[in-house]
Amino acid sequence: MKNTVTKYGLYGLLLAIILFLGGLYFGMGMDFSTQEIVGYATMIASLSFVFFGIKHFRDKENAGQITFGKGLAIGLMISLFTAVGIAIADYIYTSFINPDFYEQYVEVLRAQGHTEVIPDYGSGFMASVMFLTVMVIGIIVSLISALLLQRKN
């Protein structure tokens, strides 16, 4: 199980970093709504390794069987890798590539009529929010994958 989680987790982590940074870097001229869609698409694509990791473990390492609990555990661990990848990419982007990102985003919110006080969050906080967002989506993907792939004797 450890090898499967590490292998598919690293695939998810690398894809997350490459796609997230690429999408943000090449999408710097796009509006924030489009960037948001690209970001969520990146999360889903990176979390697809959850399904493939559970399937690989079931078919190649566990004689074609897996319980829901074992599948869920594998999926959550792979999701953890992916969430770390997205958080790293977000931190790199908001710290080094576009350090003015948050201020630009706040300007867009104010232009849309948001008048409430918007605190000044740093790159570490934003990376943490991205980590939690990916983990929530990862929990959902892991639950669905474990349900679909469970197979008992």
N, C-alpha and C. Protein backbone atom coordinates (compact mmCIF):
# COMPACT_ATOMS: atom_id res chain seq x y z
N MET A 1 0.82 -1.18 0.00
CA MET A 1 0.00 0.00 0.00
C MET A 1 0.87 1.26 0.00
N LYS A 2 1.95 1.23 0.76
CA LYS A 2 2.83 2.38 0.88
C LYS A 2 3.39 2.79 -0.49
N ASN A 3 3.81 1.80 -1.28
CA ASN A 3 4.37 2.10 -2.60
C ASN A 3 3.32 2.72 -3.52
N THR A 4 2.11 2.22 -3.48
CA THR A 4 1.03 2.76 -4.32
C THR A 4 0.72 4.20 -3.92
N VAL A 5 0.60 4.45 -2.64
CA VAL A 5 0.29 5.81 -2.16
C VAL A 5 1.42 6.76 -2.56
N THR A 6 2.65 6.34 -2.36
CA THR A 6 3.78 7.21 -2.70
C THR A 6 3.83 7.47 -4.20
N LYS A 7 3.70 6.43 -4.99
CA LYS A 7 3.78 6.57 -6.46
C LYS A 7 2.67 7.48 -6.99
N TYR A 8 1.44 7.17 -6.67
CA TYR A 8 0.31 7.94 -7.20
C TYR A 8 0.19 9.30 -6.52
N GLY A 9 0.60 9.38 -5.28
CA GLY A 9 0.63 10.66 -4.59
C GLY A 9 1.63 11.62 -5.22
N LEU A 10 2.81 11.10 -5.56
CA LEU A 10 3.81 11.95 -6.22
C LEU A 10 3.36 12.35 -7.63
N TYR A 11 2.68 11.45 -8.33
CA TYR A 11 2.13 11.82 -9.64
C TYR A 11 1.16 13.00 -9.48
N GLY A 12 0.27 12.89 -8.50
CA GLY A 12 -0.70 13.96 -8.25
C GLY A 12 -0.02 15.25 -7.83
N LEU A 13 0.99 15.15 -6.96
CA LEU A 13 1.72 16.32 -6.50
C LEU A 13 2.41 17.03 -7.66
N LEU A 14 3.12 16.27 -8.49
CA LEU A 14 3.83 16.87 -9.63
C LEU A 14 2.88 17.48 -10.64
N LEU A 15 1.81 16.77 -10.96
CA LEU A 15 0.84 17.32 -11.90
C LEU A 15 0.20 18.58 -11.34
N ALA A 16 -0.10 18.58 -10.04
CA ALA A 16 -0.69 19.76 -9.40
C ALA A 16 0.23 20.97 -9.51
N ILE A 17 1.50 20.78 -9.20
CA ILE A 17 2.45 21.90 -9.26
C ILE A 17 2.58 22.40 -10.69
N ILE A 18 2.76 21.49 -11.64
CA ILE A 18 2.97 21.89 -13.04
C ILE A 18 1.73 22.59 -13.60
N LEU A 19 0.56 21.98 -13.44
CA LEU A 19 -0.66 22.56 -14.00
C LEU A 19 -1.07 23.85 -13.28
N PHE A 20 -0.96 23.86 -11.96
CA PHE A 20 -1.39 25.04 -11.21
C PHE A 20 -0.49 26.24 -11.51
N LEU A 21 0.82 26.03 -11.45
CA LEU A 21 1.73 27.13 -11.76
C LEU A 21 1.60 27.55 -13.22
N GLY A 22 1.50 26.56 -14.12
CA GLY A 22 1.35 26.87 -15.54
C GLY A 22 0.07 27.64 -15.80
N GLY A 23 -1.02 27.20 -15.20
CA GLY A 23 -2.30 27.88 -15.39
C GLY A 23 -2.27 29.30 -14.85
N LEU A 24 -1.66 29.48 -13.70
CA LEU A 24 -1.59 30.82 -13.12
C LEU A 24 -0.64 31.72 -13.90
N TYR A 25 0.50 31.16 -14.27
CA TYR A 25 1.49 31.97 -14.99
C TYR A 25 0.98 32.38 -16.37
N PHE A 26 0.49 31.42 -17.13
CA PHE A 26 0.02 31.73 -18.48
C PHE A 26 -1.34 32.41 -18.48
N GLY A 27 -2.04 32.32 -17.36
CA GLY A 27 -3.36 32.95 -17.26
C GLY A 27 -3.34 34.29 -16.56
N MET A 28 -2.17 34.87 -16.38
CA MET A 28 -2.08 36.14 -15.65
C MET A 28 -2.92 37.24 -16.30
N GLY A 29 -3.14 37.18 -17.61
CA GLY A 29 -3.95 38.18 -18.29
C GLY A 29 -5.44 37.89 -18.25
N MET A 30 -5.80 36.68 -17.80
CA MET A 30 -7.21 36.29 -17.75
C MET A 30 -7.90 36.90 -16.54
N ASP A 31 -9.23 36.98 -16.60
CA ASP A 31 -9.95 37.47 -15.43
C ASP A 31 -9.95 36.39 -14.35
N PHE A 32 -10.29 36.80 -13.14
CA PHE A 32 -10.20 35.88 -12.00
C PHE A 32 -11.19 34.73 -12.09
N SER A 33 -12.32 34.92 -12.75
CA SER A 33 -13.29 33.83 -12.91
C SER A 33 -12.71 32.71 -13.76
N THR A 34 -12.03 33.08 -14.83
CA THR A 34 -11.41 32.08 -15.70
C THR A 34 -10.27 31.38 -14.97
N GLN A 35 -9.47 32.15 -14.23
CA GLN A 35 -8.38 31.55 -13.46
C GLN A 35 -8.93 30.56 -12.42
N GLU A 36 -10.08 30.89 -11.86
CA GLU A 36 -10.70 30.01 -10.87
C GLU A 36 -11.11 28.68 -11.51
N ILE A 37 -11.68 28.75 -12.70
CA ILE A 37 -12.08 27.53 -13.42
C ILE A 37 -10.86 26.68 -13.73
N VAL A 38 -9.79 27.32 -14.19
CA VAL A 38 -8.54 26.60 -14.48
C VAL A 38 -8.01 25.96 -13.20
N GLY A 39 -8.09 26.67 -12.09
CA GLY A 39 -7.61 26.13 -10.81
C GLY A 39 -8.38 24.90 -10.37
N TYR A 40 -9.71 24.96 -10.45
CA TYR A 40 -10.51 23.80 -10.08
C TYR A 40 -10.30 22.62 -11.03
N ALA A 41 -10.14 22.91 -12.31
CA ALA A 41 -9.84 21.85 -13.29
C ALA A 41 -8.51 21.18 -12.96
N THR A 42 -7.54 21.98 -12.54
CA THR A 42 -6.24 21.44 -12.14
C THR A 42 -6.39 20.54 -10.92
N MET A 43 -7.18 20.97 -9.95
CA MET A 43 -7.39 20.15 -8.76
C MET A 43 -8.01 18.80 -9.11
N ILE A 44 -9.05 18.83 -9.95
CA ILE A 44 -9.73 17.59 -10.33
C ILE A 44 -8.78 16.69 -11.12
N ALA A 45 -8.04 17.26 -12.07
CA ALA A 45 -7.10 16.45 -12.85
C ALA A 45 -6.05 15.81 -11.95
N SER A 46 -5.53 16.57 -11.01
CA SER A 46 -4.51 16.04 -10.10
C SER A 46 -5.08 14.99 -9.16
N LEU A 47 -6.32 15.19 -8.74
CA LEU A 47 -6.96 14.23 -7.84
C LEU A 47 -7.44 12.97 -8.58
N SER A 48 -7.37 12.96 -9.90
CA SER A 48 -7.74 11.75 -10.64
C SER A 48 -6.82 10.59 -10.27
N PHE A 49 -5.63 10.90 -9.77
CA PHE A 49 -4.71 9.85 -9.35
C PHE A 49 -5.22 9.09 -8.13
N VAL A 50 -6.17 9.65 -7.42
CA VAL A 50 -6.81 8.94 -6.31
C VAL A 50 -7.49 7.68 -6.86
N PHE A 51 -8.31 7.86 -7.88
CA PHE A 51 -9.03 6.73 -8.48
C PHE A 51 -8.03 5.69 -9.01
N PHE A 52 -7.05 6.18 -9.78
CA PHE A 52 -6.10 5.25 -10.39
C PHE A 52 -5.22 4.55 -9.35
N GLY A 53 -4.90 5.24 -8.27
CA GLY A 53 -4.11 4.62 -7.20
C GLY A 53 -4.89 3.51 -6.49
N ILE A 54 -6.15 3.78 -6.17
CA ILE A 54 -6.99 2.76 -5.53
C ILE A 54 -7.16 1.57 -6.46
N LYS A 55 -7.42 1.84 -7.73
CA LYS A 55 -7.61 0.76 -8.72
C LYS A 55 -6.33 -0.07 -8.87
N HIS A 56 -5.19 0.61 -8.93
CA HIS A 56 -3.91 -0.11 -9.04
C HIS A 56 -3.70 -1.02 -7.83
N PHE A 57 -3.94 -0.49 -6.65
CA PHE A 57 -3.75 -1.30 -5.45
C PHE A 57 -4.67 -2.51 -5.46
N ARG A 58 -5.93 -2.28 -5.80
CA ARG A 58 -6.90 -3.38 -5.83
C ARG A 58 -6.49 -4.46 -6.84
N ASP A 59 -6.17 -4.03 -8.06
CA ASP A 59 -5.93 -4.98 -9.14
C ASP A 59 -4.54 -5.60 -9.14
N LYS A 60 -3.52 -4.85 -8.77
CA LYS A 60 -2.14 -5.32 -8.91
C LYS A 60 -1.50 -5.79 -7.60
N GLU A 61 -1.98 -5.28 -6.47
CA GLU A 61 -1.30 -5.60 -5.22
C GLU A 61 -2.19 -6.36 -4.23
N ASN A 62 -3.49 -6.41 -4.49
CA ASN A 62 -4.38 -7.00 -3.49
C ASN A 62 -5.33 -8.03 -4.09
N ALA A 63 -4.88 -8.71 -5.12
CA ALA A 63 -5.62 -9.83 -5.73
C ALA A 63 -7.03 -9.46 -6.16
N GLY A 64 -7.22 -8.23 -6.64
CA GLY A 64 -8.51 -7.82 -7.18
C GLY A 64 -9.56 -7.48 -6.13
N GLN A 65 -9.15 -7.34 -4.88
CA GLN A 65 -10.11 -7.04 -3.82
C GLN A 65 -9.68 -5.80 -3.04
N ILE A 66 -10.66 -5.05 -2.58
CA ILE A 66 -10.37 -3.92 -1.69
C ILE A 66 -11.66 -3.56 -0.95
N THR A 67 -11.51 -3.28 0.33
CA THR A 67 -12.67 -2.84 1.10
C THR A 67 -12.85 -1.34 0.92
N PHE A 68 -14.03 -0.87 1.27
CA PHE A 68 -14.30 0.55 1.20
C PHE A 68 -13.31 1.33 2.07
N GLY A 69 -13.10 0.85 3.29
CA GLY A 69 -12.21 1.55 4.23
C GLY A 69 -10.78 1.65 3.74
N LYS A 70 -10.28 0.55 3.19
CA LYS A 70 -8.91 0.55 2.66
C LYS A 70 -8.80 1.48 1.46
N GLY A 71 -9.80 1.45 0.59
CA GLY A 71 -9.81 2.33 -0.57
C GLY A 71 -9.87 3.80 -0.15
N LEU A 72 -10.69 4.08 0.85
CA LEU A 72 -10.81 5.45 1.34
C LEU A 72 -9.48 5.92 1.94
N ALA A 73 -8.83 5.06 2.71
CA ALA A 73 -7.54 5.42 3.31
C ALA A 73 -6.50 5.73 2.24
N ILE A 74 -6.43 4.88 1.23
CA ILE A 74 -5.48 5.11 0.13
C ILE A 74 -5.80 6.43 -0.57
N GLY A 75 -7.07 6.65 -0.85
CA GLY A 75 -7.48 7.88 -1.53
C GLY A 75 -7.15 9.13 -0.73
N LEU A 76 -7.37 9.09 0.56
CA LEU A 76 -7.08 10.25 1.41
C LEU A 76 -5.59 10.55 1.47
N MET A 77 -4.79 9.49 1.51
CA MET A 77 -3.34 9.70 1.54
C MET A 77 -2.82 10.28 0.22
N ILE A 78 -3.36 9.80 -0.90
CA ILE A 78 -2.98 10.36 -2.20
C ILE A 78 -3.45 11.81 -2.30
N SER A 79 -4.64 12.09 -1.79
CA SER A 79 -5.17 13.46 -1.78
C SER A 79 -4.26 14.40 -0.99
N LEU A 80 -3.70 13.89 0.07
CA LEU A 80 -2.79 14.68 0.90
C LEU A 80 -1.58 15.15 0.08
N PHE A 81 -1.01 14.26 -0.70
CA PHE A 81 0.11 14.62 -1.58
C PHE A 81 -0.32 15.73 -2.56
N THR A 82 -1.47 15.54 -3.18
CA THR A 82 -1.96 16.51 -4.16
C THR A 82 -2.22 17.86 -3.51
N ALA A 83 -2.80 17.86 -2.33
CA ALA A 83 -3.07 19.11 -1.62
C ALA A 83 -1.77 19.84 -1.29
N VAL A 84 -0.75 19.11 -0.91
CA VAL A 84 0.55 19.71 -0.65
C VAL A 84 1.11 20.33 -1.94
N GLY A 85 0.96 19.63 -3.06
CA GLY A 85 1.43 20.16 -4.35
C GLY A 85 0.76 21.48 -4.71
N ILE A 86 -0.56 21.53 -4.56
CA ILE A 86 -1.30 22.76 -4.87
C ILE A 86 -0.88 23.88 -3.92
N ALA A 87 -0.72 23.56 -2.64
CA ALA A 87 -0.32 24.57 -1.66
C ALA A 87 1.07 25.12 -1.98
N ILE A 88 1.99 24.25 -2.35
CA ILE A 88 3.34 24.69 -2.73
C ILE A 88 3.27 25.60 -3.95
N ALA A 89 2.50 25.18 -4.95
CA ALA A 89 2.37 25.99 -6.17
C ALA A 89 1.75 27.35 -5.86
N ASP A 90 0.72 27.37 -5.02
CA ASP A 90 0.08 28.63 -4.66
C ASP A 90 1.05 29.54 -3.92
N TYR A 91 1.81 28.96 -3.00
CA TYR A 91 2.78 29.75 -2.25
C TYR A 91 3.84 30.34 -3.18
N ILE A 92 4.36 29.53 -4.08
CA ILE A 92 5.37 30.01 -5.04
C ILE A 92 4.79 31.14 -5.89
N TYR A 93 3.57 30.95 -6.38
CA TYR A 93 2.95 31.95 -7.23
C TYR A 93 2.72 33.27 -6.49
N THR A 94 2.13 33.19 -5.29
CA THR A 94 1.78 34.42 -4.57
C THR A 94 2.97 35.06 -3.86
N SER A 95 4.07 34.33 -3.73
CA SER A 95 5.26 34.89 -3.09
C SER A 95 6.27 35.42 -4.10
N PHE A 96 6.41 34.72 -5.23
CA PHE A 96 7.51 35.05 -6.13
C PHE A 96 7.07 35.46 -7.54
N ILE A 97 6.11 34.77 -8.12
CA ILE A 97 5.72 35.06 -9.50
C ILE A 97 4.83 36.29 -9.58
N ASN A 98 3.81 36.34 -8.73
CA ASN A 98 2.88 37.46 -8.72
C ASN A 98 2.55 37.85 -7.28
N PRO A 99 3.50 38.51 -6.60
CA PRO A 99 3.26 38.86 -5.20
C PRO A 99 2.12 39.85 -4.99
N ASP A 100 1.66 40.50 -6.04
CA ASP A 100 0.54 41.44 -5.93
C ASP A 100 -0.81 40.78 -6.19
N PHE A 101 -0.84 39.47 -6.30
CA PHE A 101 -2.07 38.76 -6.64
C PHE A 101 -3.21 39.10 -5.68
N TYR A 102 -2.94 39.03 -4.39
CA TYR A 102 -4.02 39.24 -3.42
C TYR A 102 -4.57 40.66 -3.51
N GLU A 103 -3.70 41.63 -3.66
CA GLU A 103 -4.16 43.02 -3.77
C GLU A 103 -5.01 43.20 -5.03
N GLN A 104 -4.61 42.56 -6.12
CA GLN A 104 -5.38 42.62 -7.37
C GLN A 104 -6.76 41.98 -7.18
N TYR A 105 -6.79 40.88 -6.48
CA TYR A 105 -8.04 40.18 -6.22
C TYR A 105 -8.97 41.03 -5.36
N VAL A 106 -8.42 41.68 -4.35
CA VAL A 106 -9.21 42.56 -3.49
C VAL A 106 -9.79 43.72 -4.31
N GLU A 107 -9.01 44.27 -5.22
CA GLU A 107 -9.50 45.34 -6.09
C GLU A 107 -10.70 44.88 -6.92
N VAL A 108 -10.64 43.67 -7.43
CA VAL A 108 -11.75 43.11 -8.20
C VAL A 108 -12.98 42.96 -7.31
N LEU A 109 -12.79 42.47 -6.10
CA LEU A 109 -13.92 42.33 -5.18
C LEU A 109 -14.56 43.69 -4.88
N ARG A 110 -13.75 44.69 -4.66
CA ARG A 110 -14.28 46.03 -4.37
C ARG A 110 -15.00 46.60 -5.59
N ALA A 111 -14.46 46.35 -6.78
CA ALA A 111 -15.12 46.81 -8.01
C ALA A 111 -16.47 46.13 -8.20
N GLN A 112 -16.62 44.93 -7.65
CA GLN A 112 -17.90 44.21 -7.73
C GLN A 112 -18.87 44.66 -6.66
N GLY A 113 -18.46 45.61 -5.81
CA GLY A 113 -19.37 46.16 -4.82
C GLY A 113 -19.20 45.64 -3.41
N HIS A 114 -18.19 44.82 -3.16
CA HIS A 114 -17.94 44.34 -1.79
C HIS A 114 -17.35 45.48 -0.98
N THR A 115 -18.04 45.86 0.08
CA THR A 115 -17.60 47.00 0.89
C THR A 115 -17.06 46.59 2.25
N GLU A 116 -17.21 45.33 2.61
CA GLU A 116 -16.74 44.89 3.93
C GLU A 116 -15.21 44.98 3.99
N VAL A 117 -14.71 45.01 5.19
CA VAL A 117 -13.27 45.07 5.40
C VAL A 117 -12.68 43.71 5.00
N ILE A 118 -11.73 43.76 4.11
CA ILE A 118 -11.08 42.52 3.64
C ILE A 118 -9.68 42.51 4.22
N PRO A 119 -9.40 41.58 5.13
CA PRO A 119 -8.08 41.56 5.77
C PRO A 119 -6.97 41.26 4.76
N ASP A 120 -5.78 41.64 5.12
CA ASP A 120 -4.61 41.41 4.27
C ASP A 120 -4.00 40.06 4.64
N TYR A 121 -4.25 39.08 3.80
CA TYR A 121 -3.71 37.74 4.06
C TYR A 121 -2.40 37.55 3.32
N GLY A 122 -1.50 36.83 3.94
CA GLY A 122 -0.22 36.55 3.32
C GLY A 122 -0.25 35.28 2.51
N SER A 123 0.86 35.01 1.83
CA SER A 123 0.98 33.83 0.96
C SER A 123 0.80 32.53 1.73
N GLY A 124 1.29 32.47 2.95
CA GLY A 124 1.16 31.25 3.75
C GLY A 124 -0.29 30.93 4.07
N PHE A 125 -1.06 31.95 4.40
CA PHE A 125 -2.48 31.75 4.68
C PHE A 125 -3.21 31.29 3.43
N MET A 126 -2.91 31.93 2.30
CA MET A 126 -3.57 31.57 1.05
C MET A 126 -3.22 30.14 0.63
N ALA A 127 -1.97 29.74 0.83
CA ALA A 127 -1.57 28.37 0.52
C ALA A 127 -2.31 27.38 1.42
N SER A 128 -2.52 27.75 2.68
CA SER A 128 -3.26 26.89 3.61
C SER A 128 -4.71 26.72 3.17
N VAL A 129 -5.31 27.81 2.71
CA VAL A 129 -6.69 27.74 2.21
C VAL A 129 -6.76 26.81 1.00
N MET A 130 -5.78 26.92 0.11
CA MET A 130 -5.76 26.04 -1.07
C MET A 130 -5.58 24.58 -0.65
N PHE A 131 -4.72 24.33 0.34
CA PHE A 131 -4.52 22.98 0.86
C PHE A 131 -5.85 22.41 1.35
N LEU A 132 -6.56 23.19 2.17
CA LEU A 132 -7.84 22.72 2.72
C LEU A 132 -8.89 22.52 1.63
N THR A 133 -8.90 23.40 0.64
CA THR A 133 -9.84 23.26 -0.47
C THR A 133 -9.61 21.95 -1.22
N VAL A 134 -8.35 21.66 -1.52
CA VAL A 134 -8.04 20.42 -2.23
C VAL A 134 -8.35 19.21 -1.37
N MET A 135 -8.12 19.29 -0.07
CA MET A 135 -8.43 18.16 0.80
C MET A 135 -9.94 17.89 0.85
N VAL A 136 -10.74 18.94 0.87
CA VAL A 136 -12.20 18.74 0.87
C VAL A 136 -12.63 18.05 -0.42
N ILE A 137 -12.12 18.53 -1.54
CA ILE A 137 -12.44 17.90 -2.83
C ILE A 137 -11.86 16.49 -2.86
N GLY A 138 -10.67 16.31 -2.30
CA GLY A 138 -10.04 14.99 -2.23
C GLY A 138 -10.84 14.00 -1.41
N ILE A 139 -11.47 14.46 -0.35
CA ILE A 139 -12.33 13.59 0.47
C ILE A 139 -13.50 13.10 -0.38
N ILE A 140 -14.09 14.01 -1.14
CA ILE A 140 -15.23 13.64 -1.99
C ILE A 140 -14.78 12.65 -3.06
N VAL A 141 -13.66 12.93 -3.73
CA VAL A 141 -13.15 12.04 -4.77
C VAL A 141 -12.78 10.68 -4.17
N SER A 142 -12.20 10.69 -2.99
CA SER A 142 -11.82 9.43 -2.33
C SER A 142 -13.05 8.60 -1.96
N LEU A 143 -14.08 9.25 -1.43
CA LEU A 143 -15.32 8.54 -1.09
C LEU A 143 -15.94 7.89 -2.33
N ILE A 144 -16.05 8.68 -3.40
CA ILE A 144 -16.66 8.16 -4.63
C ILE A 144 -15.82 7.03 -5.21
N SER A 145 -14.50 7.22 -5.26
CA SER A 145 -13.61 6.20 -5.81
C SER A 145 -13.65 4.92 -4.99
N ALA A 146 -13.63 5.05 -3.66
CA ALA A 146 -13.67 3.87 -2.80
C ALA A 146 -15.00 3.12 -2.97
N LEU A 147 -16.09 3.86 -3.12
CA LEU A 147 -17.39 3.22 -3.34
C LEU A 147 -17.42 2.47 -4.68
N LEU A 148 -16.91 3.11 -5.71
CA LEU A 148 -16.95 2.51 -7.05
C LEU A 148 -16.01 1.31 -7.17
N LEU A 149 -14.90 1.35 -6.48
CA LEU A 149 -13.86 0.33 -6.68
C LEU A 149 -13.87 -0.78 -5.64
N GLN A 150 -14.67 -0.65 -4.58
CA GLN A 150 -14.66 -1.69 -3.56
C GLN A 150 -15.09 -3.04 -4.17
N ARG A 151 -14.40 -4.06 -3.77
CA ARG A 151 -14.71 -5.40 -4.26
C ARG A 151 -14.26 -6.40 -3.20
N LYS A 152 -15.22 -7.16 -2.70
CA LYS A 152 -14.93 -8.17 -1.69
C LYS A 152 -15.13 -9.55 -2.28
N ASN A 153 -14.65 -10.53 -1.58
CA ASN A 153 -14.78 -11.92 -2.00
C ASN A 153 -16.19 -12.41 -1.95
